[in-house]
Amino acid sequence: ERVVRPRLADAKFFFDQDRKKSLADRIPGLAKVVYHNKLGTQGERAQRVAAMASAIGAQLGGAQSGNELSRQADQAALLSKADLITDMVGEFPELQGTMGRYYALHDGLPAEIADAIEDHYKPRFAGDSLPRGRVGLVVALADKLETLVGLFGIGQVPTGDKDPFALRRHALGVIRMLSEGDIDLPLDQLLDLAAQAFADSDAFKHAGPALTDFI
C-alpha cells in the first residue's frame, strides 16, 4: 500500500491536470518532439498519417460514406499522437493510446474517433485484436504504412535478427488488417497512397518494390 498509494495519487494528479487541455490543443506541441532525424517530428508524422488515413478512407465505401470515413479518419489520425505529450503518458508510457481514448471522450469526441486513437497501435503483437470499427482500421493501417514507407525510404531495412523499429511486426499488422479486416484495397495502391504523403514522394516511391517483397 505504501508503494501503490503514491503512484495512484500521481496518476490522479496527472489525469486531472491533463484534462485541463484538449487533445486538439496539444497538436502544436508535437512539432517539438523529434520522431526521426531524417523523417522530422511527431507533428509532421501525424500530418502524414492523417493524409494517408484520409486518402484510404476516401477510397473505401461509396461517395457519401467514404467522405465521412475520410473525415473521421483524418481527425483521429491528427489526434492519435497527442497523448504522447500528456503528463500521464510521460509518467506511464505504456498507457499511450489508452489515455488518448479517455481524453478524447472527455473532449466530447465521438466514440469512433476515441476508439481509433486507442486502437491505431493494434495489432501490437501476434494474436492481438484488430482495431474495432472502420475508422480505427483505417488509421491503424495508415500509421503502420507511414512507418514502413518512411523507414524503408531512408534505408532502415531490417537485417537478420536486427529490427529496431519493429518493421516485421508492422508488416504483419498490415497483412492481418488486409486479410481479416474490411479493407478492400490492393497492397500496391496502399503503398502508393502512403508514398504520396511524404514531401519528397519520388524518393519514397523507390522503396515500394523492396517493401512489397518484404511484406
C-alpha atoms as a PDB file:
ATOM      1  CA  GLU A   1       0.000   0.000   0.000  1.00  0.00           C
ATOM      2  CA  ARG A   2       2.873   2.379   0.777  1.00  0.00           C
ATOM      3  CA  VAL A   3       4.198   1.866  -2.776  1.00  0.00           C
ATOM      4  CA  VAL A   4       0.896   1.825  -4.644  1.00  0.00           C
ATOM      5  CA  ARG A   5      -0.858   4.758  -2.931  1.00  0.00           C
ATOM      6  CA  PRO A   6       1.622   7.453  -4.076  1.00  0.00           C
ATOM      7  CA  ARG A   7       1.591   6.033  -7.618  1.00  0.00           C
ATOM      8  CA  LEU A   8      -2.197   6.257  -7.708  1.00  0.00           C
ATOM      9  CA  ALA A   9      -2.043   9.779  -6.255  1.00  0.00           C
ATOM     10  CA  ASP A  10       0.417  10.774  -9.002  1.00  0.00           C
ATOM     11  CA  ALA A  11      -1.849   9.241 -11.655  1.00  0.00           C
ATOM     12  CA  LYS A  12      -4.900  11.083 -10.280  1.00  0.00           C
ATOM     13  CA  PHE A  13      -2.946  14.375 -10.325  1.00  0.00           C
ATOM     14  CA  PHE A  14      -1.715  13.841 -13.896  1.00  0.00           C
ATOM     15  CA  PHE A  15      -5.210  12.824 -15.053  1.00  0.00           C
ATOM     16  CA  ASP A  16      -6.758  15.976 -13.567  1.00  0.00           C
ATOM     17  CA  GLN A  17      -4.018  18.224 -14.989  1.00  0.00           C
ATOM     18  CA  ASP A  18      -4.123  16.686 -18.461  1.00  0.00           C
ATOM     19  CA  ARG A  19      -7.876  17.195 -18.811  1.00  0.00           C
ATOM     20  CA  LYS A  20      -7.433  20.973 -18.494  1.00  0.00           C
ATOM     21  CA  LYS A  21      -6.128  20.985 -22.073  1.00  0.00           C
ATOM     22  CA  SER A  22      -7.828  19.269 -25.008  1.00  0.00           C
ATOM     23  CA  LEU A  23      -6.062  16.816 -27.298  1.00  0.00           C
ATOM     24  CA  ALA A  24      -6.572  19.217 -30.217  1.00  0.00           C
ATOM     25  CA  ASP A  25      -4.761  21.961 -28.280  1.00  0.00           C
ATOM     26  CA  ARG A  26      -1.790  19.625 -27.801  1.00  0.00           C
ATOM     27  CA  ILE A  27      -1.206  19.012 -31.533  1.00  0.00           C
ATOM     28  CA  PRO A  28       1.153  22.033 -31.980  1.00  0.00           C
ATOM     29  CA  GLY A  29       3.353  20.638 -29.170  1.00  0.00           C
ATOM     30  CA  LEU A  30       4.115  17.563 -31.306  1.00  0.00           C
ATOM     31  CA  ALA A  31       6.224  19.827 -33.537  1.00  0.00           C
ATOM     32  CA  LYS A  32       8.803  19.893 -30.720  1.00  0.00           C
ATOM     33  CA  VAL A  33       9.076  16.098 -30.405  1.00  0.00           C
ATOM     34  CA  VAL A  34      11.589  14.513 -32.787  1.00  0.00           C
ATOM     35  CA  TYR A  35      10.407  11.277 -34.393  1.00  0.00           C
ATOM     36  CA  HIS A  36      13.488  10.556 -36.536  1.00  0.00           C
ATOM     37  CA  ASN A  37      16.227  12.937 -37.653  1.00  0.00           C
ATOM     38  CA  LYS A  38      15.534  12.111 -41.322  1.00  0.00           C
ATOM     39  CA  LEU A  39      11.745  11.963 -41.020  1.00  0.00           C
ATOM     40  CA  GLY A  40      11.031  15.019 -38.889  1.00  0.00           C
ATOM     41  CA  THR A  41       8.865  15.480 -35.814  1.00  0.00           C
ATOM     42  CA  GLN A  42       5.889  13.620 -34.388  1.00  0.00           C
ATOM     43  CA  GLY A  43       3.808  16.555 -35.628  1.00  0.00           C
ATOM     44  CA  GLU A  44       4.961  16.005 -39.217  1.00  0.00           C
ATOM     45  CA  ARG A  45       4.414  12.290 -38.780  1.00  0.00           C
ATOM     46  CA  ALA A  46       0.833  12.849 -37.558  1.00  0.00           C
ATOM     47  CA  GLN A  47       0.176  15.042 -40.626  1.00  0.00           C
ATOM     48  CA  ARG A  48       1.430  12.263 -42.924  1.00  0.00           C
ATOM     49  CA  VAL A  49      -0.643   9.595 -41.168  1.00  0.00           C
ATOM     50  CA  ALA A  50      -3.700  11.873 -41.402  1.00  0.00           C
ATOM     51  CA  ALA A  51      -3.150  12.419 -45.139  1.00  0.00           C
ATOM     52  CA  MET A  52      -2.854   8.651 -45.670  1.00  0.00           C
ATOM     53  CA  ALA A  53      -5.867   7.858 -43.466  1.00  0.00           C
ATOM     54  CA  SER A  54      -7.971  10.453 -45.274  1.00  0.00           C
ATOM     55  CA  ALA A  55      -6.966   9.053 -48.691  1.00  0.00           C
ATOM     56  CA  ILE A  56      -7.603   5.431 -47.650  1.00  0.00           C
ATOM     57  CA  GLY A  57     -10.971   6.396 -46.131  1.00  0.00           C
ATOM     58  CA  ALA A  58     -11.968   8.160 -49.350  1.00  0.00           C
ATOM     59  CA  GLN A  59     -11.156   5.009 -51.349  1.00  0.00           C
ATOM     60  CA  LEU A  60     -13.340   2.775 -49.182  1.00  0.00           C
ATOM     61  CA  GLY A  61     -17.108   2.693 -49.441  1.00  0.00           C
ATOM     62  CA  GLY A  62     -19.433   4.843 -51.537  1.00  0.00           C
ATOM     63  CA  ALA A  63     -19.071   8.575 -52.090  1.00  0.00           C
ATOM     64  CA  GLN A  64     -21.039   9.691 -49.032  1.00  0.00           C
ATOM     65  CA  SER A  65     -19.812   7.068 -46.526  1.00  0.00           C
ATOM     66  CA  GLY A  66     -16.325   7.385 -47.977  1.00  0.00           C
ATOM     67  CA  ASN A  67     -16.282  11.126 -47.284  1.00  0.00           C
ATOM     68  CA  GLU A  68     -17.451  10.647 -43.702  1.00  0.00           C
ATOM     69  CA  LEU A  69     -14.941   7.846 -43.120  1.00  0.00           C
ATOM     70  CA  SER A  70     -12.225  10.013 -44.640  1.00  0.00           C
ATOM     71  CA  ARG A  71     -13.102  12.962 -42.375  1.00  0.00           C
ATOM     72  CA  GLN A  72     -13.235  10.871 -39.191  1.00  0.00           C
ATOM     73  CA  ALA A  73     -10.019   9.015 -40.048  1.00  0.00           C
ATOM     74  CA  ASP A  74      -8.261  12.329 -40.722  1.00  0.00           C
ATOM     75  CA  GLN A  75      -9.368  13.751 -37.365  1.00  0.00           C
ATOM     76  CA  ALA A  76      -8.470  10.606 -35.408  1.00  0.00           C
ATOM     77  CA  ALA A  77      -5.045  10.389 -37.078  1.00  0.00           C
ATOM     78  CA  LEU A  78      -4.227  14.039 -36.292  1.00  0.00           C
ATOM     79  CA  LEU A  79      -5.092  13.421 -32.626  1.00  0.00           C
ATOM     80  CA  SER A  80      -3.555   9.931 -32.415  1.00  0.00           C
ATOM     81  CA  LYS A  81      -0.136  11.043 -31.087  1.00  0.00           C
ATOM     82  CA  ALA A  82      -1.338  13.982 -28.961  1.00  0.00           C
ATOM     83  CA  ASP A  83      -1.403  11.953 -25.742  1.00  0.00           C
ATOM     84  CA  LEU A  84       2.372  11.389 -26.061  1.00  0.00           C
ATOM     85  CA  ILE A  85       2.882  14.861 -24.587  1.00  0.00           C
ATOM     86  CA  THR A  86       0.463  14.462 -21.685  1.00  0.00           C
ATOM     87  CA  ASP A  87       1.818  14.167 -18.151  1.00  0.00           C
ATOM     88  CA  MET A  88       0.134  10.795 -17.702  1.00  0.00           C
ATOM     89  CA  VAL A  89       1.816   9.143 -20.707  1.00  0.00           C
ATOM     90  CA  GLY A  90       5.086  10.871 -19.826  1.00  0.00           C
ATOM     91  CA  GLU A  91       4.983   9.064 -16.473  1.00  0.00           C
ATOM     92  CA  PHE A  92       3.315   5.835 -17.675  1.00  0.00           C
ATOM     93  CA  PRO A  93       4.406   5.332 -21.351  1.00  0.00           C
ATOM     94  CA  GLU A  94       2.579   2.014 -21.634  1.00  0.00           C
ATOM     95  CA  LEU A  95      -0.708   3.985 -21.464  1.00  0.00           C
ATOM     96  CA  GLN A  96      -0.159   5.678 -24.843  1.00  0.00           C
ATOM     97  CA  GLY A  97      -3.326   5.338 -26.886  1.00  0.00           C
ATOM     98  CA  THR A  98      -5.323   4.252 -23.844  1.00  0.00           C
ATOM     99  CA  MET A  99      -5.162   7.744 -22.342  1.00  0.00           C
ATOM    100  CA  GLY A 100      -5.749   9.286 -25.765  1.00  0.00           C
ATOM    101  CA  ARG A 101      -9.107   7.499 -25.851  1.00  0.00           C
ATOM    102  CA  TYR A 102     -10.110   8.696 -22.363  1.00  0.00           C
ATOM    103  CA  TYR A 103      -9.109  12.291 -23.126  1.00  0.00           C
ATOM    104  CA  ALA A 104     -10.926  12.221 -26.491  1.00  0.00           C
ATOM    105  CA  LEU A 105     -14.119  11.086 -24.772  1.00  0.00           C
ATOM    106  CA  HIS A 106     -13.625  13.812 -22.159  1.00  0.00           C
ATOM    107  CA  ASP A 107     -13.306  16.338 -25.014  1.00  0.00           C
ATOM    108  CA  GLY A 108     -16.721  15.182 -26.285  1.00  0.00           C
ATOM    109  CA  LEU A 109     -15.458  13.453 -29.414  1.00  0.00           C
ATOM    110  CA  PRO A 110     -17.467  10.577 -30.968  1.00  0.00           C
ATOM    111  CA  ALA A 111     -16.726   7.052 -29.760  1.00  0.00           C
ATOM    112  CA  GLU A 112     -15.497   6.044 -33.251  1.00  0.00           C
ATOM    113  CA  ILE A 113     -12.718   8.638 -33.097  1.00  0.00           C
ATOM    114  CA  ALA A 114     -11.822   7.912 -29.450  1.00  0.00           C
ATOM    115  CA  ASP A 115     -11.639   4.160 -30.149  1.00  0.00           C
ATOM    116  CA  ALA A 116      -9.464   4.783 -33.229  1.00  0.00           C
ATOM    117  CA  ILE A 117      -6.980   6.817 -31.155  1.00  0.00           C
ATOM    118  CA  GLU A 118      -6.507   3.866 -28.800  1.00  0.00           C
ATOM    119  CA  ASP A 119      -6.679   1.190 -31.492  1.00  0.00           C
ATOM    120  CA  HIS A 120      -4.277   2.676 -34.049  1.00  0.00           C
ATOM    121  CA  TYR A 121      -1.413   0.825 -32.306  1.00  0.00           C
ATOM    122  CA  LYS A 122      -3.154  -2.543 -32.875  1.00  0.00           C
ATOM    123  CA  PRO A 123      -2.359  -5.293 -33.555  1.00  0.00           C
ATOM    124  CA  ARG A 124       0.614  -4.761 -31.232  1.00  0.00           C
ATOM    125  CA  PHE A 125       1.689  -8.432 -31.070  1.00  0.00           C
ATOM    126  CA  ALA A 126       0.813 -11.835 -32.529  1.00  0.00           C
ATOM    127  CA  GLY A 127      -2.726 -12.740 -31.579  1.00  0.00           C
ATOM    128  CA  ASP A 128      -3.664  -9.188 -30.546  1.00  0.00           C
ATOM    129  CA  SER A 129      -7.128  -7.999 -31.542  1.00  0.00           C
ATOM    130  CA  LEU A 130      -7.630  -5.805 -34.599  1.00  0.00           C
ATOM    131  CA  PRO A 131      -8.955  -2.238 -34.227  1.00  0.00           C
ATOM    132  CA  ARG A 132     -12.685  -2.041 -33.602  1.00  0.00           C
ATOM    133  CA  GLY A 133     -14.565  -0.163 -36.273  1.00  0.00           C
ATOM    134  CA  ARG A 134     -13.675   1.111 -39.735  1.00  0.00           C
ATOM    135  CA  VAL A 135     -12.118   4.368 -38.523  1.00  0.00           C
ATOM    136  CA  GLY A 136      -9.690   2.501 -36.266  1.00  0.00           C
ATOM    137  CA  LEU A 137      -8.755   0.084 -39.046  1.00  0.00           C
ATOM    138  CA  VAL A 138      -8.043   2.914 -41.484  1.00  0.00           C
ATOM    139  CA  VAL A 139      -5.913   4.906 -39.003  1.00  0.00           C
ATOM    140  CA  ALA A 140      -4.012   1.795 -37.840  1.00  0.00           C
ATOM    141  CA  LEU A 141      -3.289   0.873 -41.456  1.00  0.00           C
ATOM    142  CA  ALA A 142      -2.125   4.415 -42.261  1.00  0.00           C
ATOM    143  CA  ASP A 143       0.089   4.525 -39.155  1.00  0.00           C
ATOM    144  CA  LYS A 144       1.829   1.246 -39.987  1.00  0.00           C
ATOM    145  CA  LEU A 145       2.241   2.139 -43.677  1.00  0.00           C
ATOM    146  CA  GLU A 146       3.744   5.511 -42.724  1.00  0.00           C
ATOM    147  CA  THR A 147       6.306   3.755 -40.543  1.00  0.00           C
ATOM    148  CA  LEU A 148       7.143   1.155 -43.191  1.00  0.00           C
ATOM    149  CA  VAL A 149       7.374   3.511 -46.183  1.00  0.00           C
ATOM    150  CA  GLY A 150       9.255   6.159 -44.205  1.00  0.00           C
ATOM    151  CA  LEU A 151      11.895   3.854 -42.762  1.00  0.00           C
ATOM    152  CA  PHE A 152      12.358   1.838 -45.955  1.00  0.00           C
ATOM    153  CA  GLY A 153      12.625   5.157 -47.804  1.00  0.00           C
ATOM    154  CA  ILE A 154      15.637   6.200 -45.708  1.00  0.00           C
ATOM    155  CA  GLY A 155      17.242   2.750 -45.895  1.00  0.00           C
ATOM    156  CA  GLN A 156      16.365   1.496 -42.394  1.00  0.00           C
ATOM    157  CA  VAL A 157      15.663  -2.051 -43.580  1.00  0.00           C
ATOM    158  CA  PRO A 158      15.614  -4.969 -41.095  1.00  0.00           C
ATOM    159  CA  THR A 159      18.640  -7.253 -41.413  1.00  0.00           C
ATOM    160  CA  GLY A 160      18.981 -10.710 -39.900  1.00  0.00           C
ATOM    161  CA  ASP A 161      17.775 -10.524 -36.318  1.00  0.00           C
ATOM    162  CA  LYS A 162      18.101  -6.714 -36.152  1.00  0.00           C
ATOM    163  CA  ASP A 163      14.768  -4.910 -36.435  1.00  0.00           C
ATOM    164  CA  PRO A 164      14.994  -1.920 -34.066  1.00  0.00           C
ATOM    165  CA  PHE A 165      11.825  -0.269 -35.412  1.00  0.00           C
ATOM    166  CA  ALA A 166       9.742  -3.495 -35.289  1.00  0.00           C
ATOM    167  CA  LEU A 167       9.054  -3.307 -39.027  1.00  0.00           C
ATOM    168  CA  ARG A 168       8.271  -7.028 -39.218  1.00  0.00           C
ATOM    169  CA  ARG A 169       5.555  -6.528 -36.616  1.00  0.00           C
ATOM    170  CA  HIS A 170       4.175  -3.551 -38.563  1.00  0.00           C
ATOM    171  CA  ALA A 171       4.161  -5.565 -41.800  1.00  0.00           C
ATOM    172  CA  LEU A 172       2.358  -8.467 -40.104  1.00  0.00           C
ATOM    173  CA  GLY A 173      -0.184  -5.966 -38.765  1.00  0.00           C
ATOM    174  CA  VAL A 174      -0.818  -4.665 -42.299  1.00  0.00           C
ATOM    175  CA  ILE A 175      -1.247  -8.236 -43.583  1.00  0.00           C
ATOM    176  CA  ARG A 176      -3.729  -9.101 -40.832  1.00  0.00           C
ATOM    177  CA  MET A 177      -5.795  -5.964 -41.399  1.00  0.00           C
ATOM    178  CA  LEU A 178      -5.924  -6.586 -45.158  1.00  0.00           C
ATOM    179  CA  SER A 179      -6.819 -10.267 -44.757  1.00  0.00           C
ATOM    180  CA  GLU A 180      -9.131 -10.115 -41.719  1.00  0.00           C
ATOM    181  CA  GLY A 181     -10.376  -6.501 -41.714  1.00  0.00           C
ATOM    182  CA  ASP A 182     -12.880  -4.906 -44.044  1.00  0.00           C
ATOM    183  CA  ILE A 183     -10.231  -3.261 -46.269  1.00  0.00           C
ATOM    184  CA  ASP A 184     -10.776  -3.991 -49.952  1.00  0.00           C
ATOM    185  CA  LEU A 185      -7.710  -2.244 -51.421  1.00  0.00           C
ATOM    186  CA  PRO A 186      -4.655  -3.817 -53.126  1.00  0.00           C
ATOM    187  CA  LEU A 187      -1.305  -3.500 -51.354  1.00  0.00           C
ATOM    188  CA  ASP A 188       0.458  -1.651 -54.196  1.00  0.00           C
ATOM    189  CA  GLN A 189      -2.273   1.003 -54.239  1.00  0.00           C
ATOM    190  CA  LEU A 190      -1.941   1.473 -50.473  1.00  0.00           C
ATOM    191  CA  LEU A 191       1.844   1.831 -50.752  1.00  0.00           C
ATOM    192  CA  ASP A 192       1.406   4.459 -53.491  1.00  0.00           C
ATOM    193  CA  LEU A 193      -1.024   6.414 -51.295  1.00  0.00           C
ATOM    194  CA  ALA A 194       1.462   6.184 -48.424  1.00  0.00           C
ATOM    195  CA  ALA A 195       4.411   7.402 -50.536  1.00  0.00           C
ATOM    196  CA  GLN A 196       2.430  10.451 -51.688  1.00  0.00           C
ATOM    197  CA  ALA A 197       2.168  11.686 -48.099  1.00  0.00           C
ATOM    198  CA  PHE A 198       5.924  12.296 -47.951  1.00  0.00           C
ATOM    199  CA  ALA A 199       7.180  15.661 -49.211  1.00  0.00           C
ATOM    200  CA  ASP A 200       9.816  14.069 -51.452  1.00  0.00           C
ATOM    201  CA  SER A 201       7.446  11.334 -52.577  1.00  0.00           C
ATOM    202  CA  ASP A 202       9.614  10.177 -55.518  1.00  0.00           C
ATOM    203  CA  ALA A 203      12.373   9.120 -53.126  1.00  0.00           C
ATOM    204  CA  PHE A 204       9.885   7.145 -51.056  1.00  0.00           C
ATOM    205  CA  LYS A 205       8.258   5.525 -54.095  1.00  0.00           C
ATOM    206  CA  HIS A 206      11.610   3.858 -54.791  1.00  0.00           C
ATOM    207  CA  ALA A 207      11.138   1.964 -51.531  1.00  0.00           C
ATOM    208  CA  GLY A 208       7.938   0.402 -52.920  1.00  0.00           C
ATOM    209  CA  PRO A 209       9.315  -2.727 -54.664  1.00  0.00           C
ATOM    210  CA  ALA A 210      11.585  -3.682 -51.745  1.00  0.00           C
ATOM    211  CA  LEU A 211       8.773  -3.054 -49.281  1.00  0.00           C
ATOM    212  CA  THR A 212       6.299  -5.078 -51.354  1.00  0.00           C
ATOM    213  CA  ASP A 213       8.752  -8.008 -51.343  1.00  0.00           C
ATOM    214  CA  PHE A 214       9.266  -7.595 -47.588  1.00  0.00           C
ATOM    215  CA  ILE A 215       5.528  -7.663 -46.860  1.00  0.00           C
END
